[in-house]
Amino acid sequence: MSSSDRDSSVSALLAQIRVEQPDEDHAQRCAAYASTLFDGLAGPMGLDPSDRDIAIVAAYLHDVGYTRGGRDHHRKSFDVIRELSLPLGRPDDRILAALAARYHGVTAPSIEHAGFQDLDFDDQRRVRRLVGIVRLAAALDASHLGLVESVTVDQTSGALTIVAHASEEPAIERDRLRTAAASLRTLAGLDLRTDVVVAQ
């Protein structure tokens, strides 16, 4: 998918979601990153093309819980997303998006948590992998400043590498991206490298 086609499909999807966002620009950047990341990682992660919109919606809405107060915004995001009417294929996809958004921080999905415990094994595995994409997308705009202008997934060296292209040194994003990539080893058994290219 070309970047202009990808941008158009993300814009069309997000235009159907009616919700107040704490930082709309950040939310849109994260959704765009999730789209690119999904396209590059879906195969190695064993995700189905139908999971793409779930990843994008989860990345777009990962911080929506802040509209209900800052404390425990991850869980509040889960609650808000479950209540929304979303342009996703199956009714269960809304729960998958809500869970992927809920776990975008450091907490791992747990069978002790509402929603996740109700999923079958295959959907639990899908959520873990979707969480990985949402974490990477959120990490790429961790400062909310839009320093990362684009992201690519490079497979040319035999290893998967997430390459962030930035306008200036994105120190916070560099650190969070490394942490998010490391979490994918646990979540999806995927070994990722990260690189940040700063424009000169």
N, C-alpha and C. Protein backbone atom coordinates (compact mmCIF):
# COMPACT_ATOMS: atom_id res chain seq x y z
N MET A 1 0.85 -1.18 0.00
CA MET A 1 0.00 0.00 0.00
C MET A 1 0.90 1.24 0.00
N SER A 2 0.65 2.17 -0.90
CA SER A 2 1.45 3.39 -0.95
C SER A 2 1.14 4.26 0.26
N SER A 3 2.06 5.19 0.56
CA SER A 3 1.84 6.04 1.73
C SER A 3 0.62 6.93 1.56
N SER A 4 0.33 7.40 0.33
CA SER A 4 -0.86 8.24 0.14
C SER A 4 -2.14 7.41 0.29
N ASP A 5 -2.13 6.17 -0.21
CA ASP A 5 -3.29 5.29 -0.01
C ASP A 5 -3.46 4.97 1.47
N ARG A 6 -2.34 4.74 2.17
CA ARG A 6 -2.38 4.43 3.59
C ARG A 6 -2.96 5.62 4.36
N ASP A 7 -2.49 6.84 4.03
CA ASP A 7 -2.99 8.05 4.69
C ASP A 7 -4.48 8.23 4.45
N SER A 8 -4.93 7.97 3.23
CA SER A 8 -6.36 8.11 2.91
C SER A 8 -7.20 7.11 3.66
N SER A 9 -6.73 5.87 3.76
CA SER A 9 -7.52 4.85 4.45
C SER A 9 -7.59 5.14 5.95
N VAL A 10 -6.49 5.64 6.53
CA VAL A 10 -6.50 6.00 7.96
C VAL A 10 -7.45 7.17 8.19
N SER A 11 -7.37 8.19 7.35
CA SER A 11 -8.25 9.36 7.50
C SER A 11 -9.71 8.97 7.40
N ALA A 12 -10.04 8.12 6.44
CA ALA A 12 -11.43 7.68 6.27
C ALA A 12 -11.91 6.91 7.49
N LEU A 13 -11.06 6.07 8.04
CA LEU A 13 -11.42 5.29 9.23
C LEU A 13 -11.65 6.21 10.43
N LEU A 14 -10.71 7.13 10.66
CA LEU A 14 -10.80 8.00 11.84
C LEU A 14 -11.96 8.98 11.74
N ALA A 15 -12.33 9.37 10.52
CA ALA A 15 -13.45 10.30 10.33
C ALA A 15 -14.77 9.72 10.83
N GLN A 16 -14.84 8.40 10.95
CA GLN A 16 -16.06 7.74 11.41
C GLN A 16 -16.16 7.65 12.94
N ILE A 17 -15.10 8.05 13.64
CA ILE A 17 -15.08 7.93 15.10
C ILE A 17 -15.39 9.28 15.71
N ARG A 18 -16.44 9.31 16.51
CA ARG A 18 -16.86 10.55 17.16
C ARG A 18 -16.55 10.47 18.65
N VAL A 19 -15.46 11.12 19.04
CA VAL A 19 -15.07 11.12 20.45
C VAL A 19 -14.16 12.31 20.70
N GLU A 20 -14.26 12.87 21.90
CA GLU A 20 -13.36 13.94 22.31
C GLU A 20 -12.00 13.32 22.63
N GLN A 21 -10.95 13.91 22.09
CA GLN A 21 -9.59 13.43 22.34
C GLN A 21 -8.84 14.44 23.21
N PRO A 22 -7.99 13.98 24.12
CA PRO A 22 -7.20 14.91 24.91
C PRO A 22 -6.13 15.62 24.08
N ASP A 23 -5.65 14.97 23.01
CA ASP A 23 -4.64 15.55 22.11
C ASP A 23 -4.86 14.93 20.73
N GLU A 24 -5.69 15.57 19.94
CA GLU A 24 -6.08 15.03 18.63
C GLU A 24 -4.89 14.83 17.70
N ASP A 25 -3.95 15.78 17.70
CA ASP A 25 -2.79 15.65 16.82
C ASP A 25 -1.97 14.42 17.18
N HIS A 26 -1.73 14.21 18.46
CA HIS A 26 -1.00 13.03 18.93
C HIS A 26 -1.74 11.76 18.53
N ALA A 27 -3.03 11.75 18.73
CA ALA A 27 -3.84 10.57 18.40
C ALA A 27 -3.75 10.24 16.91
N GLN A 28 -3.82 11.26 16.06
CA GLN A 28 -3.73 11.02 14.62
C GLN A 28 -2.35 10.54 14.21
N ARG A 29 -1.30 11.11 14.82
CA ARG A 29 0.05 10.64 14.50
C ARG A 29 0.21 9.18 14.89
N CYS A 30 -0.27 8.82 16.08
CA CYS A 30 -0.15 7.43 16.54
C CYS A 30 -0.91 6.48 15.62
N ALA A 31 -2.08 6.89 15.16
CA ALA A 31 -2.84 6.05 14.22
C ALA A 31 -2.08 5.86 12.92
N ALA A 32 -1.48 6.94 12.41
CA ALA A 32 -0.70 6.84 11.17
C ALA A 32 0.51 5.92 11.35
N TYR A 33 1.20 6.06 12.48
CA TYR A 33 2.34 5.17 12.75
C TYR A 33 1.86 3.72 12.83
N ALA A 34 0.73 3.49 13.50
CA ALA A 34 0.22 2.12 13.64
C ALA A 34 -0.09 1.51 12.28
N SER A 35 -0.60 2.31 11.37
CA SER A 35 -0.89 1.83 10.02
C SER A 35 0.38 1.34 9.33
N THR A 36 1.42 2.15 9.37
CA THR A 36 2.69 1.78 8.74
C THR A 36 3.31 0.57 9.44
N LEU A 37 3.30 0.59 10.76
CA LEU A 37 3.87 -0.53 11.53
C LEU A 37 3.12 -1.82 11.24
N PHE A 38 1.80 -1.74 11.21
CA PHE A 38 1.02 -2.95 10.92
C PHE A 38 1.39 -3.51 9.55
N ASP A 39 1.47 -2.64 8.56
CA ASP A 39 1.78 -3.11 7.20
C ASP A 39 3.14 -3.79 7.13
N GLY A 40 4.09 -3.34 7.94
CA GLY A 40 5.42 -3.94 7.93
C GLY A 40 5.59 -5.13 8.85
N LEU A 41 4.75 -5.23 9.88
CA LEU A 41 4.94 -6.26 10.90
C LEU A 41 3.87 -7.35 10.92
N ALA A 42 2.76 -7.15 10.24
CA ALA A 42 1.65 -8.11 10.31
C ALA A 42 2.09 -9.52 9.93
N GLY A 43 2.84 -9.64 8.86
CA GLY A 43 3.31 -10.97 8.43
C GLY A 43 4.17 -11.65 9.48
N PRO A 44 5.27 -11.01 9.89
CA PRO A 44 6.12 -11.63 10.91
C PRO A 44 5.41 -11.88 12.25
N MET A 45 4.39 -11.07 12.55
CA MET A 45 3.67 -11.22 13.81
C MET A 45 2.50 -12.19 13.70
N GLY A 46 2.19 -12.64 12.50
CA GLY A 46 1.07 -13.57 12.33
C GLY A 46 -0.29 -12.92 12.50
N LEU A 47 -0.39 -11.64 12.17
CA LEU A 47 -1.67 -10.94 12.24
C LEU A 47 -2.37 -11.00 10.89
N ASP A 48 -3.69 -11.04 10.94
CA ASP A 48 -4.52 -11.09 9.75
C ASP A 48 -4.74 -9.67 9.23
N PRO A 49 -4.87 -9.47 7.92
CA PRO A 49 -5.16 -8.13 7.40
C PRO A 49 -6.38 -7.48 8.05
N SER A 50 -7.34 -8.28 8.49
CA SER A 50 -8.54 -7.73 9.14
C SER A 50 -8.22 -7.10 10.49
N ASP A 51 -7.03 -7.36 11.03
CA ASP A 51 -6.63 -6.76 12.31
C ASP A 51 -6.10 -5.34 12.15
N ARG A 52 -5.87 -4.92 10.92
CA ARG A 52 -5.27 -3.61 10.67
C ARG A 52 -6.08 -2.47 11.27
N ASP A 53 -7.39 -2.45 11.01
CA ASP A 53 -8.23 -1.37 11.54
C ASP A 53 -8.28 -1.40 13.06
N ILE A 54 -8.22 -2.58 13.65
CA ILE A 54 -8.21 -2.69 15.11
C ILE A 54 -6.97 -1.99 15.66
N ALA A 55 -5.82 -2.26 15.05
CA ALA A 55 -4.56 -1.64 15.50
C ALA A 55 -4.61 -0.12 15.36
N ILE A 56 -5.14 0.36 14.25
CA ILE A 56 -5.21 1.80 14.01
C ILE A 56 -6.15 2.47 15.00
N VAL A 57 -7.33 1.89 15.21
CA VAL A 57 -8.30 2.45 16.15
C VAL A 57 -7.73 2.44 17.57
N ALA A 58 -7.10 1.35 17.97
CA ALA A 58 -6.52 1.27 19.32
C ALA A 58 -5.43 2.32 19.51
N ALA A 59 -4.59 2.52 18.50
CA ALA A 59 -3.54 3.54 18.60
C ALA A 59 -4.15 4.94 18.67
N TYR A 60 -5.18 5.17 17.87
CA TYR A 60 -5.85 6.47 17.86
C TYR A 60 -6.50 6.78 19.21
N LEU A 61 -7.06 5.77 19.85
CA LEU A 61 -7.83 5.99 21.08
C LEU A 61 -7.07 5.63 22.36
N HIS A 62 -5.78 5.33 22.27
CA HIS A 62 -5.08 4.82 23.46
C HIS A 62 -5.08 5.78 24.63
N ASP A 63 -5.13 7.08 24.39
CA ASP A 63 -5.12 8.07 25.48
C ASP A 63 -6.49 8.67 25.78
N VAL A 64 -7.55 8.16 25.17
CA VAL A 64 -8.87 8.76 25.33
C VAL A 64 -9.34 8.73 26.79
N GLY A 65 -8.80 7.86 27.60
CA GLY A 65 -9.16 7.80 29.01
C GLY A 65 -8.82 9.06 29.78
N TYR A 66 -7.88 9.86 29.27
CA TYR A 66 -7.56 11.14 29.93
C TYR A 66 -8.76 12.06 29.99
N THR A 67 -9.75 11.87 29.12
CA THR A 67 -10.94 12.72 29.16
C THR A 67 -11.77 12.45 30.40
N ARG A 68 -11.48 11.36 31.09
CA ARG A 68 -12.18 11.03 32.34
C ARG A 68 -11.26 11.18 33.55
N GLY A 69 -10.18 11.92 33.38
CA GLY A 69 -9.23 12.14 34.47
C GLY A 69 -7.95 11.36 34.21
N GLY A 70 -6.82 11.91 34.66
CA GLY A 70 -5.52 11.34 34.34
C GLY A 70 -5.17 10.04 35.02
N ARG A 71 -5.63 9.85 36.24
CA ARG A 71 -5.26 8.65 36.98
C ARG A 71 -5.89 7.41 36.32
N ASP A 72 -5.07 6.38 36.14
CA ASP A 72 -5.53 5.12 35.52
C ASP A 72 -6.14 5.34 34.13
N HIS A 73 -5.54 6.23 33.35
CA HIS A 73 -6.13 6.53 32.04
C HIS A 73 -6.15 5.31 31.14
N HIS A 74 -5.26 4.34 31.36
CA HIS A 74 -5.26 3.13 30.53
C HIS A 74 -6.59 2.39 30.68
N ARG A 75 -6.99 2.17 31.93
CA ARG A 75 -8.25 1.45 32.18
C ARG A 75 -9.45 2.28 31.73
N LYS A 76 -9.35 3.58 31.90
CA LYS A 76 -10.44 4.44 31.46
C LYS A 76 -10.56 4.44 29.94
N SER A 77 -9.43 4.34 29.25
CA SER A 77 -9.47 4.22 27.78
C SER A 77 -10.22 2.95 27.40
N PHE A 78 -9.93 1.86 28.10
CA PHE A 78 -10.63 0.60 27.86
C PHE A 78 -12.14 0.79 28.00
N ASP A 79 -12.56 1.45 29.07
CA ASP A 79 -13.99 1.67 29.31
C ASP A 79 -14.63 2.54 28.22
N VAL A 80 -13.95 3.64 27.85
CA VAL A 80 -14.50 4.54 26.83
C VAL A 80 -14.66 3.81 25.50
N ILE A 81 -13.63 3.07 25.10
CA ILE A 81 -13.66 2.39 23.80
C ILE A 81 -14.77 1.34 23.75
N ARG A 82 -14.97 0.64 24.86
CA ARG A 82 -16.05 -0.37 24.89
C ARG A 82 -17.41 0.26 24.67
N GLU A 83 -17.56 1.53 25.04
CA GLU A 83 -18.85 2.22 24.94
C GLU A 83 -19.08 2.85 23.56
N LEU A 84 -18.04 2.97 22.75
CA LEU A 84 -18.15 3.66 21.47
C LEU A 84 -18.71 2.77 20.38
N SER A 85 -19.33 3.42 19.42
CA SER A 85 -19.71 2.74 18.18
C SER A 85 -18.53 2.93 17.23
N LEU A 86 -17.89 1.83 16.86
CA LEU A 86 -16.67 1.92 16.06
C LEU A 86 -16.84 1.23 14.70
N PRO A 87 -16.17 1.76 13.68
CA PRO A 87 -16.26 1.19 12.33
C PRO A 87 -15.35 -0.04 12.16
N LEU A 88 -15.62 -1.07 12.95
CA LEU A 88 -14.82 -2.29 12.89
C LEU A 88 -15.70 -3.44 12.43
N GLY A 89 -15.09 -4.49 11.90
CA GLY A 89 -15.83 -5.59 11.29
C GLY A 89 -16.76 -6.35 12.21
N ARG A 90 -16.21 -7.04 13.20
CA ARG A 90 -17.02 -7.87 14.10
C ARG A 90 -17.31 -7.10 15.38
N PRO A 91 -18.40 -7.42 16.06
CA PRO A 91 -18.68 -6.77 17.35
C PRO A 91 -17.54 -6.98 18.36
N ASP A 92 -16.91 -8.15 18.33
CA ASP A 92 -15.82 -8.43 19.27
C ASP A 92 -14.58 -7.59 18.99
N ASP A 93 -14.46 -7.03 17.80
CA ASP A 93 -13.28 -6.23 17.46
C ASP A 93 -13.16 -5.00 18.34
N ARG A 94 -14.29 -4.46 18.80
CA ARG A 94 -14.25 -3.30 19.69
C ARG A 94 -13.55 -3.66 20.99
N ILE A 95 -13.80 -4.86 21.53
CA ILE A 95 -13.14 -5.30 22.76
C ILE A 95 -11.65 -5.48 22.51
N LEU A 96 -11.29 -6.04 21.36
CA LEU A 96 -9.87 -6.22 21.04
C LEU A 96 -9.17 -4.86 20.96
N ALA A 97 -9.81 -3.88 20.33
CA ALA A 97 -9.23 -2.53 20.25
C ALA A 97 -9.12 -1.91 21.64
N ALA A 98 -10.15 -2.09 22.46
CA ALA A 98 -10.14 -1.54 23.82
C ALA A 98 -9.01 -2.15 24.64
N LEU A 99 -8.81 -3.44 24.51
CA LEU A 99 -7.73 -4.11 25.25
C LEU A 99 -6.36 -3.70 24.73
N ALA A 100 -6.20 -3.60 23.42
CA ALA A 100 -4.91 -3.17 22.86
C ALA A 100 -4.56 -1.77 23.33
N ALA A 101 -5.56 -0.90 23.45
CA ALA A 101 -5.32 0.45 23.96
C ALA A 101 -5.01 0.42 25.46
N ARG A 102 -5.73 -0.41 26.19
CA ARG A 102 -5.53 -0.47 27.64
C ARG A 102 -4.09 -0.81 28.00
N TYR A 103 -3.48 -1.71 27.26
CA TYR A 103 -2.14 -2.20 27.60
C TYR A 103 -1.03 -1.47 26.86
N HIS A 104 -1.28 -0.24 26.41
CA HIS A 104 -0.24 0.46 25.65
C HIS A 104 0.92 0.93 26.51
N GLY A 105 0.78 0.87 27.83
CA GLY A 105 1.87 1.23 28.73
C GLY A 105 2.73 0.03 29.06
N VAL A 106 3.12 -0.09 30.31
CA VAL A 106 4.02 -1.18 30.70
C VAL A 106 3.29 -2.42 31.20
N THR A 107 2.02 -2.29 31.57
CA THR A 107 1.27 -3.44 32.08
C THR A 107 1.01 -4.43 30.96
N ALA A 108 1.28 -5.69 31.24
CA ALA A 108 1.06 -6.74 30.24
C ALA A 108 -0.37 -7.27 30.35
N PRO A 109 -0.92 -7.74 29.25
CA PRO A 109 -2.24 -8.38 29.31
C PRO A 109 -2.23 -9.53 30.31
N SER A 110 -3.31 -9.63 31.08
CA SER A 110 -3.38 -10.65 32.13
C SER A 110 -4.75 -11.31 32.13
N ILE A 111 -4.76 -12.62 32.35
CA ILE A 111 -6.04 -13.33 32.41
C ILE A 111 -6.83 -12.96 33.65
N GLU A 112 -6.24 -12.18 34.53
CA GLU A 112 -6.96 -11.69 35.71
C GLU A 112 -7.75 -10.42 35.41
N HIS A 113 -7.54 -9.83 34.24
CA HIS A 113 -8.18 -8.56 33.90
C HIS A 113 -9.48 -8.77 33.13
N ALA A 114 -10.46 -7.94 33.46
CA ALA A 114 -11.76 -7.99 32.76
C ALA A 114 -11.55 -7.81 31.27
N GLY A 115 -12.31 -8.50 30.51
CA GLY A 115 -12.21 -8.41 29.06
C GLY A 115 -11.21 -9.41 28.51
N PHE A 116 -9.98 -9.35 28.96
CA PHE A 116 -8.95 -10.25 28.44
C PHE A 116 -9.23 -11.69 28.85
N GLN A 117 -9.68 -11.88 30.09
CA GLN A 117 -9.94 -13.24 30.57
C GLN A 117 -11.09 -13.92 29.82
N ASP A 118 -11.95 -13.11 29.21
CA ASP A 118 -13.11 -13.66 28.50
C ASP A 118 -12.80 -14.11 27.07
N LEU A 119 -11.61 -13.78 26.59
CA LEU A 119 -11.24 -14.12 25.22
C LEU A 119 -10.74 -15.55 25.12
N ASP A 120 -10.93 -16.14 23.96
CA ASP A 120 -10.33 -17.46 23.74
C ASP A 120 -8.82 -17.28 23.49
N PHE A 121 -8.10 -18.39 23.43
CA PHE A 121 -6.65 -18.35 23.32
C PHE A 121 -6.20 -17.56 22.09
N ASP A 122 -6.84 -17.80 20.95
CA ASP A 122 -6.44 -17.12 19.71
C ASP A 122 -6.61 -15.61 19.81
N ASP A 123 -7.72 -15.15 20.38
CA ASP A 123 -7.93 -13.71 20.52
C ASP A 123 -7.00 -13.11 21.57
N GLN A 124 -6.66 -13.85 22.62
CA GLN A 124 -5.67 -13.36 23.58
C GLN A 124 -4.33 -13.14 22.88
N ARG A 125 -3.95 -14.08 22.03
CA ARG A 125 -2.70 -13.95 21.28
C ARG A 125 -2.76 -12.74 20.34
N ARG A 126 -3.90 -12.55 19.67
CA ARG A 126 -4.07 -11.38 18.80
C ARG A 126 -3.90 -10.09 19.58
N VAL A 127 -4.53 -10.02 20.75
CA VAL A 127 -4.43 -8.80 21.56
C VAL A 127 -2.98 -8.53 21.93
N ARG A 128 -2.25 -9.55 22.36
CA ARG A 128 -0.84 -9.34 22.73
C ARG A 128 -0.06 -8.73 21.56
N ARG A 129 -0.30 -9.21 20.38
CA ARG A 129 0.41 -8.72 19.20
C ARG A 129 -0.05 -7.31 18.81
N LEU A 130 -1.34 -7.05 18.94
CA LEU A 130 -1.85 -5.70 18.67
C LEU A 130 -1.30 -4.71 19.69
N VAL A 131 -1.18 -5.13 20.94
CA VAL A 131 -0.58 -4.29 21.98
C VAL A 131 0.82 -3.86 21.55
N GLY A 132 1.58 -4.79 20.99
CA GLY A 132 2.93 -4.46 20.54
C GLY A 132 2.94 -3.33 19.52
N ILE A 133 2.02 -3.38 18.58
CA ILE A 133 1.95 -2.32 17.56
C ILE A 133 1.53 -1.00 18.19
N VAL A 134 0.55 -1.03 19.10
CA VAL A 134 0.09 0.20 19.75
C VAL A 134 1.21 0.79 20.60
N ARG A 135 1.95 -0.03 21.31
CA ARG A 135 3.08 0.47 22.12
C ARG A 135 4.12 1.15 21.24
N LEU A 136 4.46 0.52 20.13
CA LEU A 136 5.43 1.13 19.21
C LEU A 136 4.91 2.46 18.68
N ALA A 137 3.64 2.50 18.28
CA ALA A 137 3.05 3.73 17.73
C ALA A 137 3.05 4.85 18.77
N ALA A 138 2.66 4.53 19.99
CA ALA A 138 2.65 5.54 21.06
C ALA A 138 4.06 6.01 21.38
N ALA A 139 5.02 5.10 21.35
CA ALA A 139 6.42 5.45 21.63
C ALA A 139 6.96 6.45 20.61
N LEU A 140 6.52 6.34 19.38
CA LEU A 140 7.02 7.21 18.32
C LEU A 140 6.59 8.67 18.47
N ASP A 141 5.62 8.93 19.34
CA ASP A 141 5.21 10.31 19.64
C ASP A 141 5.08 10.49 21.15
N ALA A 142 6.00 9.90 21.89
CA ALA A 142 5.92 9.93 23.35
C ALA A 142 5.94 11.35 23.92
N SER A 143 6.63 12.26 23.27
CA SER A 143 6.69 13.65 23.74
C SER A 143 5.48 14.46 23.30
N HIS A 144 4.66 13.92 22.42
CA HIS A 144 3.50 14.61 21.84
C HIS A 144 3.91 15.82 20.99
N LEU A 145 5.15 15.86 20.54
CA LEU A 145 5.65 17.00 19.78
C LEU A 145 5.75 16.75 18.28
N GLY A 146 5.46 15.55 17.84
CA GLY A 146 5.52 15.26 16.41
C GLY A 146 6.92 15.30 15.83
N LEU A 147 7.91 14.94 16.62
CA LEU A 147 9.30 14.98 16.14
C LEU A 147 9.60 13.90 15.11
N VAL A 148 8.92 12.77 15.21
CA VAL A 148 9.12 11.69 14.24
C VAL A 148 8.22 11.96 13.05
N GLU A 149 8.85 12.23 11.91
CA GLU A 149 8.10 12.60 10.71
C GLU A 149 7.56 11.39 9.96
N SER A 150 8.28 10.27 10.05
CA SER A 150 7.82 9.06 9.39
C SER A 150 8.50 7.86 10.04
N VAL A 151 7.95 6.69 9.75
CA VAL A 151 8.52 5.46 10.27
C VAL A 151 8.51 4.42 9.16
N THR A 152 9.53 3.59 9.14
CA THR A 152 9.58 2.50 8.18
C THR A 152 9.95 1.21 8.91
N VAL A 153 9.58 0.11 8.31
CA VAL A 153 9.98 -1.20 8.82
C VAL A 153 10.94 -1.78 7.79
N ASP A 154 12.19 -1.97 8.20
CA ASP A 154 13.24 -2.44 7.30
C ASP A 154 13.54 -3.90 7.57
N GLN A 155 13.52 -4.71 6.53
CA GLN A 155 13.83 -6.13 6.66
C GLN A 155 15.03 -6.53 5.81
N THR A 156 15.78 -5.56 5.30
CA THR A 156 16.84 -5.87 4.34
C THR A 156 18.04 -6.56 4.96
N SER A 157 18.33 -6.32 6.22
CA SER A 157 19.54 -6.90 6.83
C SER A 157 19.28 -8.27 7.44
N GLY A 158 18.12 -8.85 7.19
CA GLY A 158 17.79 -10.14 7.77
C GLY A 158 17.13 -10.03 9.12
N ALA A 159 17.15 -8.85 9.69
CA ALA A 159 16.48 -8.60 10.97
C ALA A 159 15.44 -7.51 10.75
N LEU A 160 14.39 -7.54 11.54
CA LEU A 160 13.38 -6.49 11.46
C LEU A 160 13.87 -5.27 12.23
N THR A 161 13.84 -4.12 11.58
CA THR A 161 14.27 -2.88 12.22
C THR A 161 13.20 -1.82 12.01
N ILE A 162 12.78 -1.20 13.11
CA ILE A 162 11.88 -0.06 13.06
C ILE A 162 12.76 1.17 12.94
N VAL A 163 12.60 1.94 11.87
CA VAL A 163 13.41 3.12 11.64
C VAL A 163 12.52 4.36 11.75
N ALA A 164 12.82 5.20 12.73
CA ALA A 164 12.09 6.45 12.91
C ALA A 164 12.90 7.57 12.26
N HIS A 165 12.26 8.35 11.42
CA HIS A 165 12.90 9.47 10.74
C HIS A 165 12.41 10.75 11.42
N ALA A 166 13.35 11.50 12.01
CA ALA A 166 12.97 12.64 12.84
C ALA A 166 13.58 13.94 12.34
N SER A 167 12.91 15.04 12.67
CA SER A 167 13.37 16.36 12.28
C SER A 167 14.45 16.88 13.22
N GLU A 168 14.43 16.42 14.45
CA GLU A 168 15.45 16.75 15.45
C GLU A 168 15.54 15.58 16.42
N GLU A 169 16.55 15.59 17.27
CA GLU A 169 16.78 14.46 18.17
C GLU A 169 15.55 14.20 19.05
N PRO A 170 14.92 13.05 18.90
CA PRO A 170 13.75 12.70 19.72
C PRO A 170 14.18 11.78 20.88
N ALA A 171 14.81 12.35 21.89
CA ALA A 171 15.40 11.54 22.97
C ALA A 171 14.36 10.66 23.67
N ILE A 172 13.21 11.23 23.98
CA ILE A 172 12.17 10.45 24.68
C ILE A 172 11.67 9.33 23.77
N GLU A 173 11.41 9.66 22.51
CA GLU A 173 10.92 8.65 21.57
C GLU A 173 11.95 7.54 21.36
N ARG A 174 13.22 7.90 21.28
CA ARG A 174 14.28 6.90 21.09
C ARG A 174 14.24 5.88 22.23
N ASP A 175 14.16 6.38 23.46
CA ASP A 175 14.14 5.50 24.64
C ASP A 175 12.87 4.65 24.69
N ARG A 176 11.72 5.28 24.47
CA ARG A 176 10.45 4.54 24.53
C ARG A 176 10.33 3.52 23.40
N LEU A 177 10.86 3.86 22.24
CA LEU A 177 10.83 2.94 21.11
C LEU A 177 11.64 1.69 21.42
N ARG A 178 12.80 1.88 22.02
CA ARG A 178 13.64 0.74 22.40
C ARG A 178 12.90 -0.15 23.41
N THR A 179 12.25 0.47 24.39
CA THR A 179 11.50 -0.29 25.40
C THR A 179 10.32 -1.03 24.77
N ALA A 180 9.59 -0.35 23.89
CA ALA A 180 8.43 -0.98 23.23
C ALA A 180 8.87 -2.15 22.36
N ALA A 181 9.98 -1.99 21.66
CA ALA A 181 10.48 -3.08 20.82
C ALA A 181 10.88 -4.27 21.67
N ALA A 182 11.51 -4.01 22.82
CA ALA A 182 11.90 -5.10 23.72
C ALA A 182 10.68 -5.84 24.24
N SER A 183 9.59 -5.13 24.48
CA SER A 183 8.38 -5.78 25.00
C SER A 183 7.77 -6.74 23.98
N LEU A 184 8.06 -6.54 22.70
CA LEU A 184 7.52 -7.43 21.67
C LEU A 184 8.11 -8.84 21.77
N ARG A 185 9.28 -8.95 22.38
CA ARG A 185 9.84 -10.29 22.58
C ARG A 185 8.91 -11.10 23.49
N THR A 186 8.41 -10.45 24.52
CA THR A 186 7.50 -11.10 25.46
C THR A 186 6.11 -11.25 24.87
N LEU A 187 5.60 -10.20 24.26
CA LEU A 187 4.23 -10.19 23.76
C LEU A 187 4.02 -11.08 22.54
N ALA A 188 5.00 -11.10 21.64
CA ALA A 188 4.79 -11.77 20.36
C ALA A 188 5.95 -12.65 19.91
N GLY A 189 6.98 -12.77 20.76
CA GLY A 189 8.12 -13.58 20.38
C GLY A 189 8.88 -13.01 19.19
N LEU A 190 8.82 -11.70 19.02
CA LEU A 190 9.43 -11.05 17.87
C LEU A 190 10.64 -10.23 18.31
N ASP A 191 11.76 -10.43 17.65
CA ASP A 191 12.98 -9.69 17.96
C ASP A 191 13.10 -8.52 17.00
N LEU A 192 12.98 -7.31 17.53
CA LEU A 192 13.03 -6.10 16.72
C LEU A 192 14.22 -5.25 17.09
N ARG A 193 14.79 -4.62 16.11
CA ARG A 193 15.80 -3.60 16.35
C ARG A 193 15.15 -2.24 16.10
N THR A 194 15.75 -1.21 16.65
CA THR A 194 15.24 0.14 16.41
C THR A 194 16.38 1.04 15.97
N ASP A 195 16.05 2.03 15.19
CA ASP A 195 17.02 3.02 14.73
C ASP A 195 16.29 4.34 14.59
N VAL A 196 16.98 5.42 14.88
CA VAL A 196 16.42 6.75 14.70
C VAL A 196 17.35 7.52 13.78
N VAL A 197 16.81 8.03 12.70
CA VAL A 197 17.58 8.82 11.74
C VAL A 197 17.13 10.27 11.88
N VAL A 198 18.07 11.14 12.25
CA VAL A 198 17.75 12.56 12.44
C VAL A 198 18.23 13.33 11.22
N ALA A 199 17.33 14.13 10.64
CA ALA A 199 17.68 14.92 9.46
C ALA A 199 18.79 15.90 9.80
N GLN A 200 19.73 16.02 8.89
CA GLN A 200 20.87 16.93 9.10
C GLN A 200 20.58 18.30 8.51
